[in-house]
Amino acid sequence: MSARTDAEASQNQAVTGITPDTLRVKLVEKLEAQHVQIEDLSGGCGQMFEAIIVSPQFSKKTTLARHRLVNGTLKDEIAAIHAWTPKCFTPEEWEKKKGEMSS
């Protein structure tokens, strides 16, 4: 489902109630995320999101376990959207990644 106009995009978001902000709030609240960056890749219709999530709860977890934790937290929201791509980091990994990106 993709929105062809701004009006359709607004209507889709109104129906699902899913915005980058609603996703961010839930991740901070449930996963104690220290940094959440969510980008709507769907052109504003709220159907395709990519996220960077930094949480100490990811410590000592595999990538698959991290994704399962996030997907379980956002189970209802993910069911209502078309695509969801999380990138999960511990605070230490995120600091290292930020250092690499600025080099």
PDB file of N, CA and C in Angstrom:
ATOM      1  N   MET A   1       0.854  -1.169   0.000  1.00  0.00           N
ATOM      2  CA  MET A   1       0.000   0.000   0.000  1.00  0.00           C
ATOM      3  C   MET A   1       0.896   1.227   0.000  1.00  0.00           C
ATOM      4  N   SER A   2       0.771   2.034  -1.008  1.00  0.00           N
ATOM      5  CA  SER A   2       1.555   3.259  -1.035  1.00  0.00           C
ATOM      6  C   SER A   2       0.634   4.427  -1.333  1.00  0.00           C
ATOM      7  N   ALA A   3       0.939   5.549  -0.754  1.00  0.00           N
ATOM      8  CA  ALA A   3       0.124   6.746  -0.961  1.00  0.00           C
ATOM      9  C   ALA A   3       0.577   7.444  -2.227  1.00  0.00           C
ATOM     10  N   ARG A   4      -0.387   7.851  -3.032  1.00  0.00           N
ATOM     11  CA  ARG A   4      -0.058   8.551  -4.268  1.00  0.00           C
ATOM     12  C   ARG A   4      -0.089  10.064  -4.088  1.00  0.00           C
ATOM     13  N   THR A   5      -0.777  10.527  -3.058  1.00  0.00           N
ATOM     14  CA  THR A   5      -0.867  11.968  -2.816  1.00  0.00           C
ATOM     15  C   THR A   5      -0.624  12.247  -1.337  1.00  0.00           C
ATOM     16  N   ASP A   6      -0.371  13.511  -1.028  1.00  0.00           N
ATOM     17  CA  ASP A   6      -0.204  13.891   0.372  1.00  0.00           C
ATOM     18  C   ASP A   6      -1.471  13.603   1.163  1.00  0.00           C
ATOM     19  N   ALA A   7      -2.625  13.793   0.546  1.00  0.00           N
ATOM     20  CA  ALA A   7      -3.893  13.532   1.234  1.00  0.00           C
ATOM     21  C   ALA A   7      -4.010  12.054   1.580  1.00  0.00           C
ATOM     22  N   GLU A   8      -3.637  11.180   0.645  1.00  0.00           N
ATOM     23  CA  GLU A   8      -3.678   9.745   0.914  1.00  0.00           C
ATOM     24  C   GLU A   8      -2.675   9.373   2.009  1.00  0.00           C
ATOM     25  N   ALA A   9      -1.516  10.006   1.991  1.00  0.00           N
ATOM     26  CA  ALA A   9      -0.505   9.744   3.025  1.00  0.00           C
ATOM     27  C   ALA A   9      -1.054  10.115   4.392  1.00  0.00           C
ATOM     28  N   SER A  10      -1.664  11.268   4.497  1.00  0.00           N
ATOM     29  CA  SER A  10      -2.235  11.703   5.775  1.00  0.00           C
ATOM     30  C   SER A  10      -3.342  10.769   6.222  1.00  0.00           C
ATOM     31  N   GLN A  11      -4.156  10.322   5.278  1.00  0.00           N
ATOM     32  CA  GLN A  11      -5.252   9.406   5.610  1.00  0.00           C
ATOM     33  C   GLN A  11      -4.697   8.069   6.111  1.00  0.00           C
ATOM     34  N   ASN A  12      -3.660   7.551   5.457  1.00  0.00           N
ATOM     35  CA  ASN A  12      -3.058   6.287   5.894  1.00  0.00           C
ATOM     36  C   ASN A  12      -2.509   6.405   7.307  1.00  0.00           C
ATOM     37  N   GLN A  13      -1.822   7.509   7.611  1.00  0.00           N
ATOM     38  CA  GLN A  13      -1.292   7.702   8.957  1.00  0.00           C
ATOM     39  C   GLN A  13      -2.412   7.854   9.962  1.00  0.00           C
ATOM     40  N   ALA A  14      -3.487   8.516   9.578  1.00  0.00           N
ATOM     41  CA  ALA A  14      -4.618   8.690  10.486  1.00  0.00           C
ATOM     42  C   ALA A  14      -5.272   7.348  10.795  1.00  0.00           C
ATOM     43  N   VAL A  15      -5.351   6.476   9.806  1.00  0.00           N
ATOM     44  CA  VAL A  15      -5.968   5.160  10.000  1.00  0.00           C
ATOM     45  C   VAL A  15      -5.109   4.285  10.906  1.00  0.00           C
ATOM     46  N   THR A  16      -3.806   4.233  10.640  1.00  0.00           N
ATOM     47  CA  THR A  16      -2.931   3.355  11.423  1.00  0.00           C
ATOM     48  C   THR A  16      -2.468   4.002  12.715  1.00  0.00           C
ATOM     49  N   GLY A  17      -2.354   5.333  12.721  1.00  0.00           N
ATOM     50  CA  GLY A  17      -1.844   6.039  13.894  1.00  0.00           C
ATOM     51  C   GLY A  17      -0.350   5.860  14.090  1.00  0.00           C
ATOM     52  N   ILE A  18       0.314   5.309  13.098  1.00  0.00           N
ATOM     53  CA  ILE A  18       1.743   5.019  13.217  1.00  0.00           C
ATOM     54  C   ILE A  18       2.549   6.124  12.553  1.00  0.00           C
ATOM     55  N   THR A  19       3.406   6.732  13.351  1.00  0.00           N
ATOM     56  CA  THR A  19       4.320   7.763  12.871  1.00  0.00           C
ATOM     57  C   THR A  19       5.700   7.455  13.441  1.00  0.00           C
ATOM     58  N   PRO A  20       6.738   8.074  12.910  1.00  0.00           N
ATOM     59  CA  PRO A  20       8.059   7.881  13.521  1.00  0.00           C
ATOM     60  C   PRO A  20       8.046   8.215  15.017  1.00  0.00           C
ATOM     61  N   ASP A  21       7.291   9.242  15.403  1.00  0.00           N
ATOM     62  CA  ASP A  21       7.241   9.624  16.818  1.00  0.00           C
ATOM     63  C   ASP A  21       6.582   8.564  17.690  1.00  0.00           C
ATOM     64  N   THR A  22       5.485   7.954  17.206  1.00  0.00           N
ATOM     65  CA  THR A  22       4.822   6.920  18.023  1.00  0.00           C
ATOM     66  C   THR A  22       5.730   5.700  18.189  1.00  0.00           C
ATOM     67  N   LEU A  23       6.455   5.354  17.134  1.00  0.00           N
ATOM     68  CA  LEU A  23       7.396   4.233  17.225  1.00  0.00           C
ATOM     69  C   LEU A  23       8.530   4.569  18.189  1.00  0.00           C
ATOM     70  N   ARG A  24       9.072   5.783  18.080  1.00  0.00           N
ATOM     71  CA  ARG A  24      10.185   6.229  18.927  1.00  0.00           C
ATOM     72  C   ARG A  24       9.787   6.177  20.409  1.00  0.00           C
ATOM     73  N   VAL A  25       8.614   6.706  20.733  1.00  0.00           N
ATOM     74  CA  VAL A  25       8.165   6.743  22.128  1.00  0.00           C
ATOM     75  C   VAL A  25       8.084   5.331  22.711  1.00  0.00           C
ATOM     76  N   LYS A  26       7.534   4.415  21.957  1.00  0.00           N
ATOM     77  CA  LYS A  26       7.389   3.045  22.459  1.00  0.00           C
ATOM     78  C   LYS A  26       8.747   2.368  22.654  1.00  0.00           C
ATOM     79  N   LEU A  27       9.672   2.597  21.729  1.00  0.00           N
ATOM     80  CA  LEU A  27      11.005   1.994  21.855  1.00  0.00           C
ATOM     81  C   LEU A  27      11.768   2.557  23.046  1.00  0.00           C
ATOM     82  N   VAL A  28      11.660   3.840  23.274  1.00  0.00           N
ATOM     83  CA  VAL A  28      12.327   4.456  24.430  1.00  0.00           C
ATOM     84  C   VAL A  28      11.719   3.918  25.722  1.00  0.00           C
ATOM     85  N   GLU A  29      10.407   3.835  25.747  1.00  0.00           N
ATOM     86  CA  GLU A  29       9.703   3.391  26.944  1.00  0.00           C
ATOM     87  C   GLU A  29       9.948   1.916  27.260  1.00  0.00           C
ATOM     88  N   LYS A  30       9.816   1.057  26.266  1.00  0.00           N
ATOM     89  CA  LYS A  30       9.879  -0.394  26.498  1.00  0.00           C
ATOM     90  C   LYS A  30      11.294  -0.969  26.484  1.00  0.00           C
ATOM     91  N   LEU A  31      12.179  -0.388  25.670  1.00  0.00           N
ATOM     92  CA  LEU A  31      13.533  -0.941  25.535  1.00  0.00           C
ATOM     93  C   LEU A  31      14.599  -0.076  26.186  1.00  0.00           C
ATOM     94  N   GLU A  32      14.173   0.998  26.857  1.00  0.00           N
ATOM     95  CA  GLU A  32      15.114   1.923  27.471  1.00  0.00           C
ATOM     96  C   GLU A  32      16.133   2.419  26.445  1.00  0.00           C
ATOM     97  N   ALA A  33      15.647   2.642  25.229  1.00  0.00           N
ATOM     98  CA  ALA A  33      16.533   3.076  24.148  1.00  0.00           C
ATOM     99  C   ALA A  33      17.105   4.454  24.452  1.00  0.00           C
ATOM    100  N   GLN A  34      18.394   4.579  24.253  1.00  0.00           N
ATOM    101  CA  GLN A  34      19.095   5.837  24.508  1.00  0.00           C
ATOM    102  C   GLN A  34      19.134   6.723  23.268  1.00  0.00           C
ATOM    103  N   HIS A  35      18.978   6.112  22.108  1.00  0.00           N
ATOM    104  CA  HIS A  35      18.966   6.847  20.846  1.00  0.00           C
ATOM    105  C   HIS A  35      18.051   6.086  19.896  1.00  0.00           C
ATOM    106  N   VAL A  36      17.100   6.781  19.307  1.00  0.00           N
ATOM    107  CA  VAL A  36      16.218   6.183  18.310  1.00  0.00           C
ATOM    108  C   VAL A  36      16.096   7.170  17.157  1.00  0.00           C
ATOM    109  N   GLN A  37      16.456   6.707  15.994  1.00  0.00           N
ATOM    110  CA  GLN A  37      16.365   7.519  14.782  1.00  0.00           C
ATOM    111  C   GLN A  37      15.514   6.738  13.794  1.00  0.00           C
ATOM    112  N   ILE A  38      14.358   7.279  13.442  1.00  0.00           N
ATOM    113  CA  ILE A  38      13.450   6.576  12.542  1.00  0.00           C
ATOM    114  C   ILE A  38      13.198   7.428  11.317  1.00  0.00           C
ATOM    115  N   GLU A  39      13.355   6.798  10.155  1.00  0.00           N
ATOM    116  CA  GLU A  39      13.137   7.480   8.896  1.00  0.00           C
ATOM    117  C   GLU A  39      11.972   6.815   8.165  1.00  0.00           C
ATOM    118  N   ASP A  40      11.019   7.632   7.743  1.00  0.00           N
ATOM    119  CA  ASP A  40       9.890   7.148   6.950  1.00  0.00           C
ATOM    120  C   ASP A  40      10.337   7.138   5.497  1.00  0.00           C
ATOM    121  N   LEU A  41      10.534   5.956   4.938  1.00  0.00           N
ATOM    122  CA  LEU A  41      11.019   5.812   3.569  1.00  0.00           C
ATOM    123  C   LEU A  41       9.883   5.724   2.553  1.00  0.00           C
ATOM    124  N   SER A  42       8.650   5.856   3.031  1.00  0.00           N
ATOM    125  CA  SER A  42       7.488   5.663   2.170  1.00  0.00           C
ATOM    126  C   SER A  42       6.961   6.958   1.563  1.00  0.00           C
ATOM    127  N   GLY A  43       7.676   8.034   1.737  1.00  0.00           N
ATOM    128  CA  GLY A  43       7.200   9.292   1.205  1.00  0.00           C
ATOM    129  C   GLY A  43       6.124   9.936   2.057  1.00  0.00           C
ATOM    130  N   GLY A  44       6.053   9.538   3.316  1.00  0.00           N
ATOM    131  CA  GLY A  44       5.123  10.163   4.248  1.00  0.00           C
ATOM    132  C   GLY A  44       3.862   9.381   4.542  1.00  0.00           C
ATOM    133  N   CYS A  45       3.651   8.246   3.883  1.00  0.00           N
ATOM    134  CA  CYS A  45       2.404   7.511   4.112  1.00  0.00           C
ATOM    135  C   CYS A  45       2.466   6.617   5.345  1.00  0.00           C
ATOM    136  N   GLY A  46       3.640   6.477   5.947  1.00  0.00           N
ATOM    137  CA  GLY A  46       3.743   5.687   7.167  1.00  0.00           C
ATOM    138  C   GLY A  46       3.682   4.196   6.953  1.00  0.00           C
ATOM    139  N   GLN A  47       4.190   3.718   5.836  1.00  0.00           N
ATOM    140  CA  GLN A  47       4.125   2.294   5.541  1.00  0.00           C
ATOM    141  C   GLN A  47       5.491   1.617   5.438  1.00  0.00           C
ATOM    142  N   MET A  48       6.582   2.401   5.459  1.00  0.00           N
ATOM    143  CA  MET A  48       7.919   1.823   5.343  1.00  0.00           C
ATOM    144  C   MET A  48       8.884   2.642   6.199  1.00  0.00           C
ATOM    145  N   PHE A  49       9.455   1.969   7.193  1.00  0.00           N
ATOM    146  CA  PHE A  49      10.342   2.660   8.119  1.00  0.00           C
ATOM    147  C   PHE A  49      11.684   1.939   8.238  1.00  0.00           C
ATOM    148  N   GLU A  50      12.728   2.731   8.422  1.00  0.00           N
ATOM    149  CA  GLU A  50      14.057   2.226   8.754  1.00  0.00           C
ATOM    150  C   GLU A  50      14.443   2.892  10.068  1.00  0.00           C
ATOM    151  N   ALA A  51      15.020   2.115  10.974  1.00  0.00           N
ATOM    152  CA  ALA A  51      15.312   2.651  12.303  1.00  0.00           C
ATOM    153  C   ALA A  51      16.709   2.275  12.768  1.00  0.00           C
ATOM    154  N   ILE A  52      17.315   3.205  13.498  1.00  0.00           N
ATOM    155  CA  ILE A  52      18.527   2.936  14.268  1.00  0.00           C
ATOM    156  C   ILE A  52      18.102   3.010  15.725  1.00  0.00           C
ATOM    157  N   ILE A  53      18.366   1.927  16.453  1.00  0.00           N
ATOM    158  CA  ILE A  53      17.934   1.834  17.848  1.00  0.00           C
ATOM    159  C   ILE A  53      19.145   1.472  18.699  1.00  0.00           C
ATOM    160  N   VAL A  54      19.398   2.268  19.714  1.00  0.00           N
ATOM    161  CA  VAL A  54      20.527   2.038  20.618  1.00  0.00           C
ATOM    162  C   VAL A  54      19.965   1.775  22.006  1.00  0.00           C
ATOM    163  N   SER A  55      20.233   0.570  22.516  1.00  0.00           N
ATOM    164  CA  SER A  55      19.701   0.195  23.824  1.00  0.00           C
ATOM    165  C   SER A  55      20.679  -0.715  24.559  1.00  0.00           C
ATOM    166  N   PRO A  56      20.818  -0.510  25.867  1.00  0.00           N
ATOM    167  CA  PRO A  56      21.653  -1.424  26.646  1.00  0.00           C
ATOM    168  C   PRO A  56      21.050  -2.833  26.720  1.00  0.00           C
ATOM    169  N   GLN A  57      19.762  -2.954  26.422  1.00  0.00           N
ATOM    170  CA  GLN A  57      19.124  -4.280  26.445  1.00  0.00           C
ATOM    171  C   GLN A  57      19.632  -5.186  25.320  1.00  0.00           C
ATOM    172  N   PHE A  58      20.344  -4.634  24.344  1.00  0.00           N
ATOM    173  CA  PHE A  58      20.892  -5.434  23.253  1.00  0.00           C
ATOM    174  C   PHE A  58      22.217  -6.100  23.627  1.00  0.00           C
ATOM    175  N   SER A  59      22.751  -5.733  24.775  1.00  0.00           N
ATOM    176  CA  SER A  59      24.038  -6.272  25.197  1.00  0.00           C
ATOM    177  C   SER A  59      23.980  -7.796  25.270  1.00  0.00           C
ATOM    178  N   LYS A  60      25.012  -8.438  24.728  1.00  0.00           N
ATOM    179  CA  LYS A  60      25.179  -9.889  24.733  1.00  0.00           C
ATOM    180  C   LYS A  60      24.082 -10.624  23.977  1.00  0.00           C
ATOM    181  N   LYS A  61      23.413  -9.932  23.040  1.00  0.00           N
ATOM    182  CA  LYS A  61      22.394 -10.574  22.209  1.00  0.00           C
ATOM    183  C   LYS A  61      22.875 -10.593  20.761  1.00  0.00           C
ATOM    184  N   THR A  62      22.503 -11.642  20.054  1.00  0.00           N
ATOM    185  CA  THR A  62      22.815 -11.726  18.626  1.00  0.00           C
ATOM    186  C   THR A  62      21.938 -10.737  17.864  1.00  0.00           C
ATOM    187  N   THR A  63      22.281 -10.509  16.618  1.00  0.00           N
ATOM    188  CA  THR A  63      21.468  -9.626  15.781  1.00  0.00           C
ATOM    189  C   THR A  63      20.032 -10.135  15.702  1.00  0.00           C
ATOM    190  N   LEU A  64      19.871 -11.429  15.530  1.00  0.00           N
ATOM    191  CA  LEU A  64      18.536 -12.014  15.455  1.00  0.00           C
ATOM    192  C   LEU A  64      17.751 -11.794  16.754  1.00  0.00           C
ATOM    193  N   ALA A  65      18.402 -11.987  17.887  1.00  0.00           N
ATOM    194  CA  ALA A  65      17.739 -11.781  19.177  1.00  0.00           C
ATOM    195  C   ALA A  65      17.354 -10.316  19.373  1.00  0.00           C
ATOM    196  N   ARG A  66      18.187  -9.416  18.910  1.00  0.00           N
ATOM    197  CA  ARG A  66      17.883  -7.985  19.010  1.00  0.00           C
ATOM    198  C   ARG A  66      16.658  -7.648  18.167  1.00  0.00           C
ATOM    199  N   HIS A  67      16.635  -8.164  16.939  1.00  0.00           N
ATOM    200  CA  HIS A  67      15.496  -7.905  16.057  1.00  0.00           C
ATOM    201  C   HIS A  67      14.217  -8.504  16.632  1.00  0.00           C
ATOM    202  N   ARG A  68      14.312  -9.679  17.205  1.00  0.00           N
ATOM    203  CA  ARG A  68      13.132 -10.294  17.823  1.00  0.00           C
ATOM    204  C   ARG A  68      12.626  -9.460  18.997  1.00  0.00           C
ATOM    205  N   LEU A  69      13.534  -8.911  19.773  1.00  0.00           N
ATOM    206  CA  LEU A  69      13.155  -8.065  20.902  1.00  0.00           C
ATOM    207  C   LEU A  69      12.420  -6.810  20.406  1.00  0.00           C
ATOM    208  N   VAL A  70      12.974  -6.165  19.392  1.00  0.00           N
ATOM    209  CA  VAL A  70      12.348  -4.970  18.828  1.00  0.00           C
ATOM    210  C   VAL A  70      11.008  -5.327  18.185  1.00  0.00           C
ATOM    211  N   ASN A  71      10.995  -6.379  17.373  1.00  0.00           N
ATOM    212  CA  ASN A  71       9.769  -6.761  16.679  1.00  0.00           C
ATOM    213  C   ASN A  71       8.674  -7.186  17.656  1.00  0.00           C
ATOM    214  N   GLY A  72       9.048  -7.821  18.748  1.00  0.00           N
ATOM    215  CA  GLY A  72       8.068  -8.169  19.771  1.00  0.00           C
ATOM    216  C   GLY A  72       7.497  -6.932  20.443  1.00  0.00           C
ATOM    217  N   THR A  73       8.345  -5.950  20.654  1.00  0.00           N
ATOM    218  CA  THR A  73       7.915  -4.687  21.268  1.00  0.00           C
ATOM    219  C   THR A  73       6.949  -3.937  20.360  1.00  0.00           C
ATOM    220  N   LEU A  74       7.191  -3.992  19.061  1.00  0.00           N
ATOM    221  CA  LEU A  74       6.376  -3.254  18.092  1.00  0.00           C
ATOM    222  C   LEU A  74       5.457  -4.179  17.284  1.00  0.00           C
ATOM    223  N   LYS A  75       5.061  -5.296  17.872  1.00  0.00           N
ATOM    224  CA  LYS A  75       4.288  -6.306  17.155  1.00  0.00           C
ATOM    225  C   LYS A  75       3.049  -5.728  16.466  1.00  0.00           C
ATOM    226  N   ASP A  76       2.239  -4.975  17.182  1.00  0.00           N
ATOM    227  CA  ASP A  76       1.007  -4.427  16.612  1.00  0.00           C
ATOM    228  C   ASP A  76       1.301  -3.401  15.520  1.00  0.00           C
ATOM    229  N   GLU A  77       2.306  -2.577  15.749  1.00  0.00           N
ATOM    230  CA  GLU A  77       2.657  -1.543  14.776  1.00  0.00           C
ATOM    231  C   GLU A  77       3.206  -2.165  13.492  1.00  0.00           C
ATOM    232  N   ILE A  78       4.059  -3.163  13.633  1.00  0.00           N
ATOM    233  CA  ILE A  78       4.658  -3.815  12.461  1.00  0.00           C
ATOM    234  C   ILE A  78       3.588  -4.511  11.629  1.00  0.00           C
ATOM    235  N   ALA A  79       2.580  -5.060  12.286  1.00  0.00           N
ATOM    236  CA  ALA A  79       1.497  -5.729  11.566  1.00  0.00           C
ATOM    237  C   ALA A  79       0.714  -4.757  10.682  1.00  0.00           C
ATOM    238  N   ALA A  80       0.744  -3.474  11.022  1.00  0.00           N
ATOM    239  CA  ALA A  80      -0.046  -2.482  10.292  1.00  0.00           C
ATOM    240  C   ALA A  80       0.728  -1.749   9.203  1.00  0.00           C
ATOM    241  N   ILE A  81       2.039  -2.008   9.098  1.00  0.00           N
ATOM    242  CA  ILE A  81       2.835  -1.315   8.089  1.00  0.00           C
ATOM    243  C   ILE A  81       3.366  -2.303   7.064  1.00  0.00           C
ATOM    244  N   HIS A  82       3.929  -1.776   5.999  1.00  0.00           N
ATOM    245  CA  HIS A  82       4.413  -2.605   4.898  1.00  0.00           C
ATOM    246  C   HIS A  82       5.830  -3.127   5.135  1.00  0.00           C
ATOM    247  N   ALA A  83       6.722  -2.266   5.616  1.00  0.00           N
ATOM    248  CA  ALA A  83       8.121  -2.675   5.761  1.00  0.00           C
ATOM    249  C   ALA A  83       8.759  -2.015   6.980  1.00  0.00           C
ATOM    250  N   TRP A  84       9.582  -2.792   7.673  1.00  0.00           N
ATOM    251  CA  TRP A  84      10.247  -2.337   8.897  1.00  0.00           C
ATOM    252  C   TRP A  84      11.665  -2.878   8.885  1.00  0.00           C
ATOM    253  N   THR A  85      12.653  -1.978   8.957  1.00  0.00           N
ATOM    254  CA  THR A  85      14.061  -2.384   8.971  1.00  0.00           C
ATOM    255  C   THR A  85      14.758  -1.782  10.182  1.00  0.00           C
ATOM    256  N   PRO A  86      14.958  -2.578  11.243  1.00  0.00           N
ATOM    257  CA  PRO A  86      15.678  -2.064  12.410  1.00  0.00           C
ATOM    258  C   PRO A  86      17.177  -2.339  12.307  1.00  0.00           C
ATOM    259  N   LYS A  87      17.958  -1.395  12.781  1.00  0.00           N
ATOM    260  CA  LYS A  87      19.403  -1.579  12.940  1.00  0.00           C
ATOM    261  C   LYS A  87      19.665  -1.348  14.420  1.00  0.00           C
ATOM    262  N   CYS A  88      20.095  -2.388  15.104  1.00  0.00           N
ATOM    263  CA  CYS A  88      20.178  -2.369  16.565  1.00  0.00           C
ATOM    264  C   CYS A  88      21.626  -2.361  17.049  1.00  0.00           C
ATOM    265  N   PHE A  89      21.917  -1.461  17.996  1.00  0.00           N
ATOM    266  CA  PHE A  89      23.264  -1.313  18.542  1.00  0.00           C
ATOM    267  C   PHE A  89      23.213  -1.178  20.053  1.00  0.00           C
ATOM    268  N   THR A  90      24.257  -1.665  20.716  1.00  0.00           N
ATOM    269  CA  THR A  90      24.442  -1.342  22.135  1.00  0.00           C
ATOM    270  C   THR A  90      25.015   0.071  22.177  1.00  0.00           C
ATOM    271  N   PRO A  91      24.970   0.735  23.328  1.00  0.00           N
ATOM    272  CA  PRO A  91      25.569   2.077  23.402  1.00  0.00           C
ATOM    273  C   PRO A  91      27.046   2.090  22.994  1.00  0.00           C
ATOM    274  N   GLU A  92      27.781   1.067  23.382  1.00  0.00           N
ATOM    275  CA  GLU A  92      29.210   0.995  23.045  1.00  0.00           C
ATOM    276  C   GLU A  92      29.408   0.835  21.538  1.00  0.00           C
ATOM    277  N   GLU A  93      28.603  -0.030  20.918  1.00  0.00           N
ATOM    278  CA  GLU A  93      28.696  -0.220  19.468  1.00  0.00           C
ATOM    279  C   GLU A  93      28.337   1.067  18.723  1.00  0.00           C
ATOM    280  N   TRP A  94      27.336   1.776  19.225  1.00  0.00           N
ATOM    281  CA  TRP A  94      26.910   3.010  18.574  1.00  0.00           C
ATOM    282  C   TRP A  94      27.993   4.078  18.640  1.00  0.00           C
ATOM    283  N   GLU A  95      28.654   4.199  19.787  1.00  0.00           N
ATOM    284  CA  GLU A  95      29.741   5.175  19.915  1.00  0.00           C
ATOM    285  C   GLU A  95      30.858   4.853  18.930  1.00  0.00           C
ATOM    286  N   LYS A  96      31.176   3.578  18.792  1.00  0.00           N
ATOM    287  CA  LYS A  96      32.216   3.154  17.856  1.00  0.00           C
ATOM    288  C   LYS A  96      31.782   3.461  16.426  1.00  0.00           C
ATOM    289  N   LYS A  97      30.528   3.163  16.099  1.00  0.00           N
ATOM    290  CA  LYS A  97      29.998   3.403  14.760  1.00  0.00           C
ATOM    291  C   LYS A  97      29.999   4.899  14.425  1.00  0.00           C
ATOM    292  N   LYS A  98      29.605   5.724  15.376  1.00  0.00           N
ATOM    293  CA  LYS A  98      29.621   7.170  15.158  1.00  0.00           C
ATOM    294  C   LYS A  98      31.036   7.663  14.896  1.00  0.00           C
ATOM    295  N   GLY A  99      32.008   7.096  15.615  1.00  0.00           N
ATOM    296  CA  GLY A  99      33.407   7.469  15.407  1.00  0.00           C
ATOM    297  C   GLY A  99      33.890   7.093  14.027  1.00  0.00           C
ATOM    298  N   GLU A 100      33.447   5.928  13.548  1.00  0.00           N
ATOM    299  CA  GLU A 100      33.827   5.472  12.201  1.00  0.00           C
ATOM    300  C   GLU A 100      33.208   6.351  11.122  1.00  0.00           C
ATOM    301  N   MET A 101      31.966   6.797  11.364  1.00  0.00           N
ATOM    302  CA  MET A 101      31.265   7.609  10.362  1.00  0.00           C
ATOM    303  C   MET A 101      31.855   9.013  10.259  1.00  0.00           C
ATOM    304  N   SER A 102      32.422   9.502  11.356  1.00  0.00           N
ATOM    305  CA  SER A 102      32.975  10.863  11.333  1.00  0.00           C
ATOM    306  C   SER A 102      34.422  10.878  10.834  1.00  0.00           C
ATOM    307  N   SER A 103      35.026   9.702  10.672  1.00  0.00           N
ATOM    308  CA  SER A 103      36.423   9.639  10.213  1.00  0.00           C
ATOM    309  C   SER A 103      36.526   9.801   8.715  1.00  0.00           C
TER     310      SER A 103
END
